[in-house]
């Protein structure tokens, strides 16, 4: 697994012609901090290839992280990302960031020790809570940051409660994607001086979309964007449409990947397949237009809800299309019910159907949600940018950077 001209499956030599600089080591500064980012949720090599070679970006979050790390690179000795991939590789990007890909089967206790021994980091960022990595960081005396993008209570499935792990001395930064999540962590015992609310760095709005006074037509055009599963509430949304039959004609566009076959089967069983269109993976740049063209954006999540959903919420605000969202804590803390969004009880298709019916029968409510979207956006954007947070954290205990 040495560094070299690594061309992975699905990437031809022609596609990479003239791009040998991708794997060159580059010139690195000596004597500074060495940062290791651990994130098994995405293959960063594929994120880089999709955006920089094909121009297709399926989600902006991980691409933004690559950009943020490229900005940090000149101030550090080295930066590496350990991610999950289909095969083992080492790939140096033009920015100097080293990508370390390991298959799922290799993610075990010894791997953490091996990667740390090879890369010799001074700082380690865990994009999530990983027990083995936390323990390895303590054994090697690393400064550790845990950047959480789930609601904190989801981590209590671990044998030892999350707050005890995050209170250990070597964990010097704990970040959550909402202020409510940070407050919950503090209430559960995580020291307040470690806690930060984070977000991705948001570009200025491309344009200010006009307000919507009412749905465009008789048919209610609903849009879902995200992971497709029972946990994210897609089945609840389909059943809610079935409950509305005879009262309101709905059409649903589902954007994303996941349990598509199961959802198609469910829609077929309810006789709704002709009203539900599964669009698959859609380039990030096309999502904004789809949101503007919808009459309502639905976030029906039950339990699984990550920072990518918070990005979806921001795009929904920018589109000024009314938002229907479950009362999942990560959503409820960012919406004012009846003002910047309409909330319903998570996991209850009946409650969702009533919310849909109310939105499309009350023109004043519909117009108010669209009018107040920019107020919701201003409240949503009050967190520190991910890259600024990491830069300040490293600078705090490594002043030479």
Protein backbone atom coordinates (compact mmCIF):
# COMPACT_ATOMS: atom_id res chain seq x y z
CA UNK A 1 0.00 0.00 0.00
CA UNK A 2 2.71 2.43 -0.99
CA UNK A 3 2.06 5.77 -2.63
CA UNK A 4 2.12 5.66 -6.39
CA UNK A 5 0.05 6.06 -9.51
CA UNK A 6 -3.06 4.45 -8.08
CA UNK A 7 -5.89 4.20 -10.56
CA UNK A 8 -8.92 2.65 -8.91
CA UNK A 9 -11.85 0.71 -10.35
CA UNK A 10 -13.99 2.89 -12.58
CA UNK A 11 -11.21 5.37 -13.32
CA UNK A 12 -9.45 4.73 -16.60
CA UNK A 13 -5.89 5.74 -17.42
CA UNK A 14 -7.28 8.09 -20.08
CA UNK A 15 -9.43 9.86 -17.47
CA UNK A 16 -6.32 10.53 -15.43
CA UNK A 17 -4.03 11.43 -18.31
CA UNK A 18 -1.86 14.39 -17.46
CA UNK A 19 -2.76 14.21 -13.76
CA UNK A 20 0.39 12.63 -12.30
CA UNK A 21 0.65 15.54 -9.87
CA UNK A 22 -2.20 13.96 -7.91
CA UNK A 23 0.14 11.47 -6.32
CA UNK A 24 3.30 13.53 -5.94
CA UNK A 25 4.37 14.18 -2.37
CA UNK A 26 4.89 17.91 -2.76
CA UNK A 27 6.96 20.12 -0.46
CA UNK A 28 5.89 20.03 3.18
CA UNK A 29 6.78 22.35 6.05
CA UNK A 30 8.73 20.73 8.91
CA UNK A 31 8.14 21.04 12.62
CA UNK A 32 4.40 21.74 12.68
CA UNK A 33 1.33 19.74 13.57
CA UNK A 34 0.30 16.58 11.72
CA UNK A 35 -3.45 16.15 11.36
CA UNK A 36 -5.26 12.83 10.83
CA UNK A 37 -8.97 12.97 9.95
CA UNK A 38 -10.94 9.73 10.41
CA UNK A 39 -14.21 9.53 8.45
CA UNK A 40 -15.56 6.16 7.26
CA UNK A 41 -18.77 7.70 5.92
CA UNK A 42 -17.36 8.49 2.46
CA UNK A 43 -14.58 7.52 0.07
CA UNK A 44 -12.77 10.84 -0.36
CA UNK A 45 -10.96 9.58 -3.45
CA UNK A 46 -14.34 9.19 -5.17
CA UNK A 47 -15.45 12.59 -3.86
CA UNK A 48 -12.35 14.15 -5.42
CA UNK A 49 -12.64 12.31 -8.75
CA UNK A 50 -16.34 13.01 -9.14
CA UNK A 51 -15.96 16.73 -8.61
CA UNK A 52 -12.61 17.49 -10.19
CA UNK A 53 -12.74 15.08 -13.16
CA UNK A 54 -16.40 14.55 -14.01
CA UNK A 55 -17.81 17.74 -12.46
CA UNK A 56 -20.50 15.64 -10.76
CA UNK A 57 -20.85 16.41 -7.07
CA UNK A 58 -23.48 14.32 -5.26
CA UNK A 59 -23.17 16.15 -1.95
CA UNK A 60 -21.34 19.31 -1.03
CA UNK A 61 -20.26 18.40 2.51
CA UNK A 62 -17.25 16.14 1.88
CA UNK A 63 -16.07 18.24 -1.05
CA UNK A 64 -16.10 21.29 1.21
CA UNK A 65 -14.00 19.39 3.74
CA UNK A 66 -11.36 18.75 1.07
CA UNK A 67 -11.37 22.47 0.29
CA UNK A 68 -11.06 23.42 3.97
CA UNK A 69 -8.17 21.01 4.50
CA UNK A 70 -6.43 22.40 1.40
CA UNK A 71 -6.57 25.85 3.05
CA UNK A 72 -5.13 24.42 6.29
CA UNK A 73 -2.37 22.45 4.54
CA UNK A 74 0.21 25.29 4.22
CA UNK A 75 0.12 25.83 7.99
CA UNK A 76 0.69 22.18 8.96
CA UNK A 77 3.41 19.61 8.41
CA UNK A 78 0.98 17.10 6.92
CA UNK A 79 -2.71 16.20 6.67
CA UNK A 80 -4.21 12.76 6.03
CA UNK A 81 -7.76 11.45 5.75
CA UNK A 82 -8.50 7.86 6.74
CA UNK A 83 -11.69 6.81 4.95
CA UNK A 84 -13.57 3.68 3.96
CA UNK A 85 -13.20 2.44 0.39
CA UNK A 86 -13.58 -0.67 -1.75
CA UNK A 87 -9.84 -1.31 -1.81
CA UNK A 88 -6.69 -0.18 0.01
CA UNK A 89 -4.89 2.85 -1.41
CA UNK A 90 -2.69 5.83 -0.58
CA UNK A 91 -3.28 8.92 -2.72
CA UNK A 92 -1.64 12.36 -2.42
CA UNK A 93 -3.80 15.21 -3.77
CA UNK A 94 -2.34 18.37 -5.34
CA UNK A 95 -3.23 20.24 -2.14
CA UNK A 96 -0.85 17.97 -0.24
CA UNK A 97 -3.62 16.11 1.60
CA UNK A 98 -2.94 12.36 1.78
CA UNK A 99 -5.94 10.05 1.33
CA UNK A 100 -5.74 6.65 3.07
CA UNK A 101 -8.47 4.26 1.92
CA UNK A 102 -9.19 0.98 3.71
CA UNK A 103 -12.00 -1.55 3.01
CA UNK A 104 -14.67 -2.16 5.63
CA UNK A 105 -13.12 -5.49 6.62
CA UNK A 106 -9.87 -3.74 7.57
CA UNK A 107 -11.51 -1.40 10.08
CA UNK A 108 -10.43 -3.17 13.28
CA UNK A 109 -8.45 -2.34 16.40
CA UNK A 110 -5.03 -3.02 14.88
CA UNK A 111 -5.69 -0.75 11.89
CA UNK A 112 -5.94 2.31 14.14
CA UNK A 113 -2.56 1.51 15.64
CA UNK A 114 -1.00 0.86 12.22
CA UNK A 115 -2.23 4.09 10.65
CA UNK A 116 -1.15 6.16 13.65
CA UNK A 117 2.27 4.46 13.69
CA UNK A 118 2.75 5.11 9.96
CA UNK A 119 1.47 8.69 9.80
CA UNK A 120 2.60 9.87 13.30
CA UNK A 121 -0.12 12.48 13.81
CA UNK A 122 -0.11 15.04 16.59
CA UNK A 123 -3.85 15.75 16.21
CA UNK A 124 -6.71 13.44 15.26
CA UNK A 125 -10.23 14.45 14.22
CA UNK A 126 -12.94 11.81 14.48
CA UNK A 127 -15.94 12.57 12.27
CA UNK A 128 -18.15 10.58 14.64
CA UNK A 129 -17.50 8.64 17.82
CA UNK A 130 -15.21 5.65 17.20
CA UNK A 131 -14.31 3.71 20.34
CA UNK A 132 -11.12 2.10 19.04
CA UNK A 133 -9.79 5.34 17.60
CA UNK A 134 -10.48 7.22 20.83
CA UNK A 135 -8.58 4.59 22.79
CA UNK A 136 -5.70 4.62 20.29
CA UNK A 137 -5.51 8.40 20.49
CA UNK A 138 -5.19 8.22 24.28
CA UNK A 139 -2.43 5.59 24.10
CA UNK A 140 -0.40 7.68 21.64
CA UNK A 141 -0.90 10.98 23.47
CA UNK A 142 -2.75 12.67 20.59
CA UNK A 143 -4.97 15.71 20.86
CA UNK A 144 -8.38 14.41 19.74
CA UNK A 145 -11.45 16.22 18.40
CA UNK A 146 -14.83 14.51 18.03
CA UNK A 147 -17.01 16.16 15.39
CA UNK A 148 -20.50 14.74 15.67
CA UNK A 149 -23.17 15.11 13.01
CA UNK A 150 -25.82 12.90 14.59
CA UNK A 151 -28.12 13.74 17.48
CA UNK A 152 -26.01 12.87 20.58
CA UNK A 153 -28.48 10.40 22.09
CA UNK A 154 -27.92 8.08 19.11
CA UNK A 155 -24.49 7.23 20.49
CA UNK A 156 -25.82 5.78 23.74
CA UNK A 157 -25.96 2.35 22.12
CA UNK A 158 -22.30 2.10 23.14
CA UNK A 159 -21.42 0.15 26.25
CA UNK A 160 -20.00 3.24 27.93
CA UNK A 161 -21.95 6.48 27.70
CA UNK A 162 -20.66 9.00 25.21
CA UNK A 163 -20.21 11.84 27.68
CA UNK A 164 -17.72 9.85 29.75
CA UNK A 165 -15.56 9.17 26.70
CA UNK A 166 -15.67 12.80 25.62
CA UNK A 167 -14.74 14.06 29.08
CA UNK A 168 -11.33 12.37 28.96
CA UNK A 169 -8.36 14.75 28.97
CA UNK A 170 -7.01 13.87 25.52
CA UNK A 171 -10.33 14.84 23.90
CA UNK A 172 -9.93 18.63 23.72
CA UNK A 173 -12.71 19.52 21.25
CA UNK A 174 -16.28 18.20 20.95
CA UNK A 175 -18.43 19.68 18.19
CA UNK A 176 -22.04 19.07 17.22
CA UNK A 177 -23.96 20.34 14.22
CA UNK A 178 -26.64 22.16 16.25
CA UNK A 179 -26.71 24.36 19.33
CA UNK A 180 -29.37 22.05 20.79
CA UNK A 181 -27.02 19.08 20.39
CA UNK A 182 -24.24 20.99 22.14
CA UNK A 183 -26.60 21.92 24.99
CA UNK A 184 -27.60 18.26 25.38
CA UNK A 185 -23.95 17.16 25.53
CA UNK A 186 -23.23 19.79 28.18
CA UNK A 187 -26.27 18.70 30.20
CA UNK A 188 -24.99 15.13 30.03
CA UNK A 189 -21.63 16.07 31.52
CA UNK A 190 -19.28 17.05 28.68
CA UNK A 191 -17.19 20.04 29.88
CA UNK A 192 -18.51 23.28 28.40
CA UNK A 193 -15.04 24.56 27.42
CA UNK A 194 -14.70 21.72 24.89
CA UNK A 195 -18.02 22.30 23.13
CA UNK A 196 -18.52 24.07 19.79
CA UNK A 197 -21.43 24.26 17.34
CA UNK A 198 -20.18 23.71 13.79
CA UNK A 199 -21.42 23.90 10.23
CA UNK A 200 -20.02 23.75 6.72
CA UNK A 201 -18.73 26.99 5.21
CA UNK A 202 -21.63 28.38 3.25
CA UNK A 203 -21.17 30.33 0.08
CA UNK A 204 -23.23 33.45 -0.41
CA UNK A 205 -26.69 32.64 -1.80
CA UNK A 206 -26.57 32.30 -5.56
CA UNK A 207 -29.69 34.40 -5.82
CA UNK A 208 -32.58 35.50 -3.68
CA UNK A 209 -35.53 33.42 -4.84
CA UNK A 210 -38.93 35.09 -5.03
CA UNK A 211 -41.55 34.33 -2.41
CA UNK A 212 -44.22 31.79 -3.19
CA UNK A 213 -47.78 32.91 -2.54
CA UNK A 214 -49.40 29.54 -3.28
CA UNK A 215 -48.71 26.14 -4.89
CA UNK A 216 -48.16 26.32 -8.63
CA UNK A 217 -50.98 23.95 -9.59
CA UNK A 218 -53.77 21.69 -8.37
CA UNK A 219 -51.37 18.78 -7.83
CA UNK A 220 -49.20 19.06 -4.70
CA UNK A 221 -45.60 18.46 -5.78
CA UNK A 222 -43.60 17.08 -2.85
CA UNK A 223 -39.82 16.60 -2.78
CA UNK A 224 -37.62 14.42 -0.57
CA UNK A 225 -33.80 14.64 -0.73
CA UNK A 226 -31.54 12.34 1.26
CA UNK A 227 -30.84 8.74 2.21
CA UNK A 228 -33.78 6.52 1.29
CA UNK A 229 -34.77 4.25 4.16
CA UNK A 230 -37.52 3.50 6.66
CA UNK A 231 -35.47 5.36 9.31
CA UNK A 232 -35.43 8.56 7.26
CA UNK A 233 -39.21 8.42 6.98
CA UNK A 234 -39.66 7.80 3.25
CA UNK A 235 -42.21 5.03 3.92
CA UNK A 236 -44.09 7.38 6.26
CA UNK A 237 -44.25 9.94 3.46
CA UNK A 238 -45.58 7.41 0.95
CA UNK A 239 -48.22 6.19 3.43
CA UNK A 240 -49.21 9.79 4.16
CA UNK A 241 -49.89 10.25 0.44
CA UNK A 242 -52.10 7.14 0.54
CA UNK A 243 -54.04 8.60 3.49
CA UNK A 244 -54.65 11.77 1.47
CA UNK A 245 -56.22 9.96 -1.50
CA UNK A 246 -59.55 11.50 -2.37
CA UNK A 247 -58.67 14.71 -0.49
CA UNK A 248 -55.54 15.93 -2.25
CA UNK A 249 -53.66 14.81 -5.35
CA UNK A 250 -49.94 14.50 -4.60
CA UNK A 251 -46.84 13.74 -6.62
CA UNK A 252 -43.60 12.86 -4.88
CA UNK A 253 -40.05 13.06 -6.24
CA UNK A 254 -37.53 11.06 -4.17
CA UNK A 255 -33.88 12.03 -4.67
CA UNK A 256 -31.14 9.85 -3.24
CA UNK A 257 -29.98 6.27 -2.88
CA UNK A 258 -30.61 3.51 -0.38
CA UNK A 259 -33.59 1.19 0.05
CA UNK A 260 -35.11 2.12 -3.31
CA UNK A 261 -36.41 -1.36 -4.17
CA UNK A 262 -38.19 -1.67 -0.82
CA UNK A 263 -39.80 1.75 -1.21
CA UNK A 264 -40.92 1.01 -4.75
CA UNK A 265 -42.48 -2.23 -3.55
CA UNK A 266 -44.23 -0.37 -0.73
CA UNK A 267 -45.58 2.30 -3.10
CA UNK A 268 -46.76 -0.42 -5.50
CA UNK A 269 -48.59 -2.23 -2.73
CA UNK A 270 -50.44 0.99 -1.88
CA UNK A 271 -51.20 1.66 -5.56
CA UNK A 272 -49.11 4.84 -5.58
CA UNK A 273 -46.17 3.98 -7.80
CA UNK A 274 -47.43 6.22 -10.61
CA UNK A 275 -47.43 9.13 -8.15
CA UNK A 276 -43.91 8.48 -6.78
CA UNK A 277 -40.79 9.00 -8.92
CA UNK A 278 -37.42 7.76 -7.70
CA UNK A 279 -34.82 10.04 -9.28
CA UNK A 280 -31.70 8.29 -7.94
CA UNK A 281 -28.50 10.20 -7.23
CA UNK A 282 -28.69 13.77 -8.53
CA UNK A 283 -25.74 16.17 -8.86
CA UNK A 284 -25.61 18.68 -6.05
CA UNK A 285 -25.86 21.57 -8.48
CA UNK A 286 -29.27 20.38 -9.70
CA UNK A 287 -30.87 20.14 -6.27
CA UNK A 288 -31.53 23.87 -5.94
CA UNK A 289 -33.60 23.95 -9.17
CA UNK A 290 -35.58 20.89 -8.07
CA UNK A 291 -36.35 22.58 -4.74
CA UNK A 292 -37.51 25.76 -6.44
CA UNK A 293 -39.77 23.69 -8.71
CA UNK A 294 -41.42 21.80 -5.82
CA UNK A 295 -44.44 22.99 -3.84
CA UNK A 296 -43.14 21.58 -0.54
CA UNK A 297 -39.93 19.98 0.73
CA UNK A 298 -40.47 17.16 3.20
CA UNK A 299 -37.98 16.04 5.87
CA UNK A 300 -39.84 13.13 7.53
CA UNK A 301 -36.88 11.66 9.46
CA UNK A 302 -37.53 9.31 12.34
CA UNK A 303 -34.10 8.66 13.84
CA UNK A 304 -31.23 8.66 11.34
CA UNK A 305 -30.37 12.27 10.65
CA UNK A 306 -26.90 13.58 9.82
CA UNK A 307 -25.30 16.90 8.98
CA UNK A 308 -26.09 16.31 5.29
CA UNK A 309 -29.76 16.79 6.21
CA UNK A 310 -28.88 20.15 7.77
CA UNK A 311 -27.35 21.14 4.42
CA UNK A 312 -30.58 20.05 2.72
CA UNK A 313 -32.50 22.26 5.16
CA UNK A 314 -30.32 25.23 4.21
CA UNK A 315 -30.93 24.69 0.49
CA UNK A 316 -34.65 24.45 1.24
CA UNK A 317 -34.58 27.83 3.00
CA UNK A 318 -32.76 29.37 0.03
CA UNK A 319 -35.40 28.04 -2.38
CA UNK A 320 -38.19 29.65 -0.28
CA UNK A 321 -40.25 26.51 -0.82
CA UNK A 322 -42.27 25.69 2.35
CA UNK A 323 -40.72 23.01 4.56
CA UNK A 324 -42.59 20.12 6.21
CA UNK A 325 -40.38 18.49 8.85
CA UNK A 326 -40.68 15.90 11.59
CA UNK A 327 -40.21 17.00 15.19
CA UNK A 328 -36.88 15.18 15.35
CA UNK A 329 -34.80 17.30 17.78
CA UNK A 330 -32.15 18.13 15.17
CA UNK A 331 -34.87 19.65 12.93
CA UNK A 332 -37.22 21.06 15.56
CA UNK A 333 -34.44 23.18 17.06
CA UNK A 334 -33.89 24.92 13.71
CA UNK A 335 -37.49 25.59 12.73
CA UNK A 336 -40.23 27.72 14.29
CA UNK A 337 -43.44 25.75 13.86
CA UNK A 338 -45.91 27.61 11.67
CA UNK A 339 -43.40 30.39 10.90
CA UNK A 340 -40.29 28.99 9.18
CA UNK A 341 -41.55 25.42 8.79
CA UNK A 342 -44.44 23.13 9.65
CA UNK A 343 -43.64 20.34 12.13
CA UNK A 344 -45.39 16.99 12.58
CA UNK A 345 -44.83 14.03 14.89
CA UNK A 346 -41.98 11.82 13.67
CA UNK A 347 -42.95 8.29 12.68
CA UNK A 348 -46.67 9.12 12.38
CA UNK A 349 -47.91 9.03 8.75
CA UNK A 350 -51.30 10.30 9.91
CA UNK A 351 -49.73 13.39 11.43
CA UNK A 352 -47.72 13.94 8.24
CA UNK A 353 -50.83 13.63 6.05
CA UNK A 354 -52.63 16.19 8.23
CA UNK A 355 -49.67 18.57 7.92
CA UNK A 356 -49.64 18.20 4.12
CA UNK A 357 -53.37 18.79 3.97
CA UNK A 358 -53.11 21.84 6.22
CA UNK A 359 -50.28 23.38 4.19
CA UNK A 360 -52.11 23.07 0.88
CA UNK A 361 -55.48 24.22 2.21
CA UNK A 362 -54.23 27.32 4.05
CA UNK A 363 -52.88 29.85 1.58
CA UNK A 364 -51.91 32.32 4.32
CA UNK A 365 -49.82 29.64 6.06
CA UNK A 366 -48.18 28.65 2.78
CA UNK A 367 -47.25 32.26 1.96
CA UNK A 368 -45.98 32.90 5.51
CA UNK A 369 -43.60 29.92 5.45
CA UNK A 370 -42.18 31.08 2.12
CA UNK A 371 -41.90 34.70 3.27
CA UNK A 372 -40.08 33.76 6.51
CA UNK A 373 -37.60 31.36 4.89
CA UNK A 374 -34.75 33.88 4.98
CA UNK A 375 -35.34 34.41 8.72
CA UNK A 376 -34.92 30.67 9.18
CA UNK A 377 -31.73 30.80 7.13
CA UNK A 378 -30.20 33.55 9.27
CA UNK A 379 -30.79 31.51 12.44
CA UNK A 380 -29.41 28.41 10.74
CA UNK A 381 -26.07 30.04 9.78
CA UNK A 382 -24.83 31.10 13.23
CA UNK A 383 -22.37 28.24 13.74
CA UNK A 384 -18.58 28.28 13.22
CA UNK A 385 -17.29 26.94 9.91
CA UNK A 386 -15.70 23.48 10.09
CA UNK A 387 -12.28 24.54 8.80
CA UNK A 388 -12.08 27.64 11.04
CA UNK A 389 -12.96 25.46 14.03
CA UNK A 390 -10.18 22.97 13.31
CA UNK A 391 -7.64 25.71 12.60
CA UNK A 392 -8.38 27.43 15.93
CA UNK A 393 -8.28 24.09 17.78
CA UNK A 394 -4.84 23.18 16.40
CA UNK A 395 -3.48 26.69 16.96
CA UNK A 396 -4.61 26.61 20.60
CA UNK A 397 -2.18 23.88 21.64
CA UNK A 398 0.33 24.10 18.75
CA UNK A 399 1.23 27.81 18.60
CA UNK A 400 3.99 27.32 16.02
CA UNK A 401 1.39 26.63 13.30
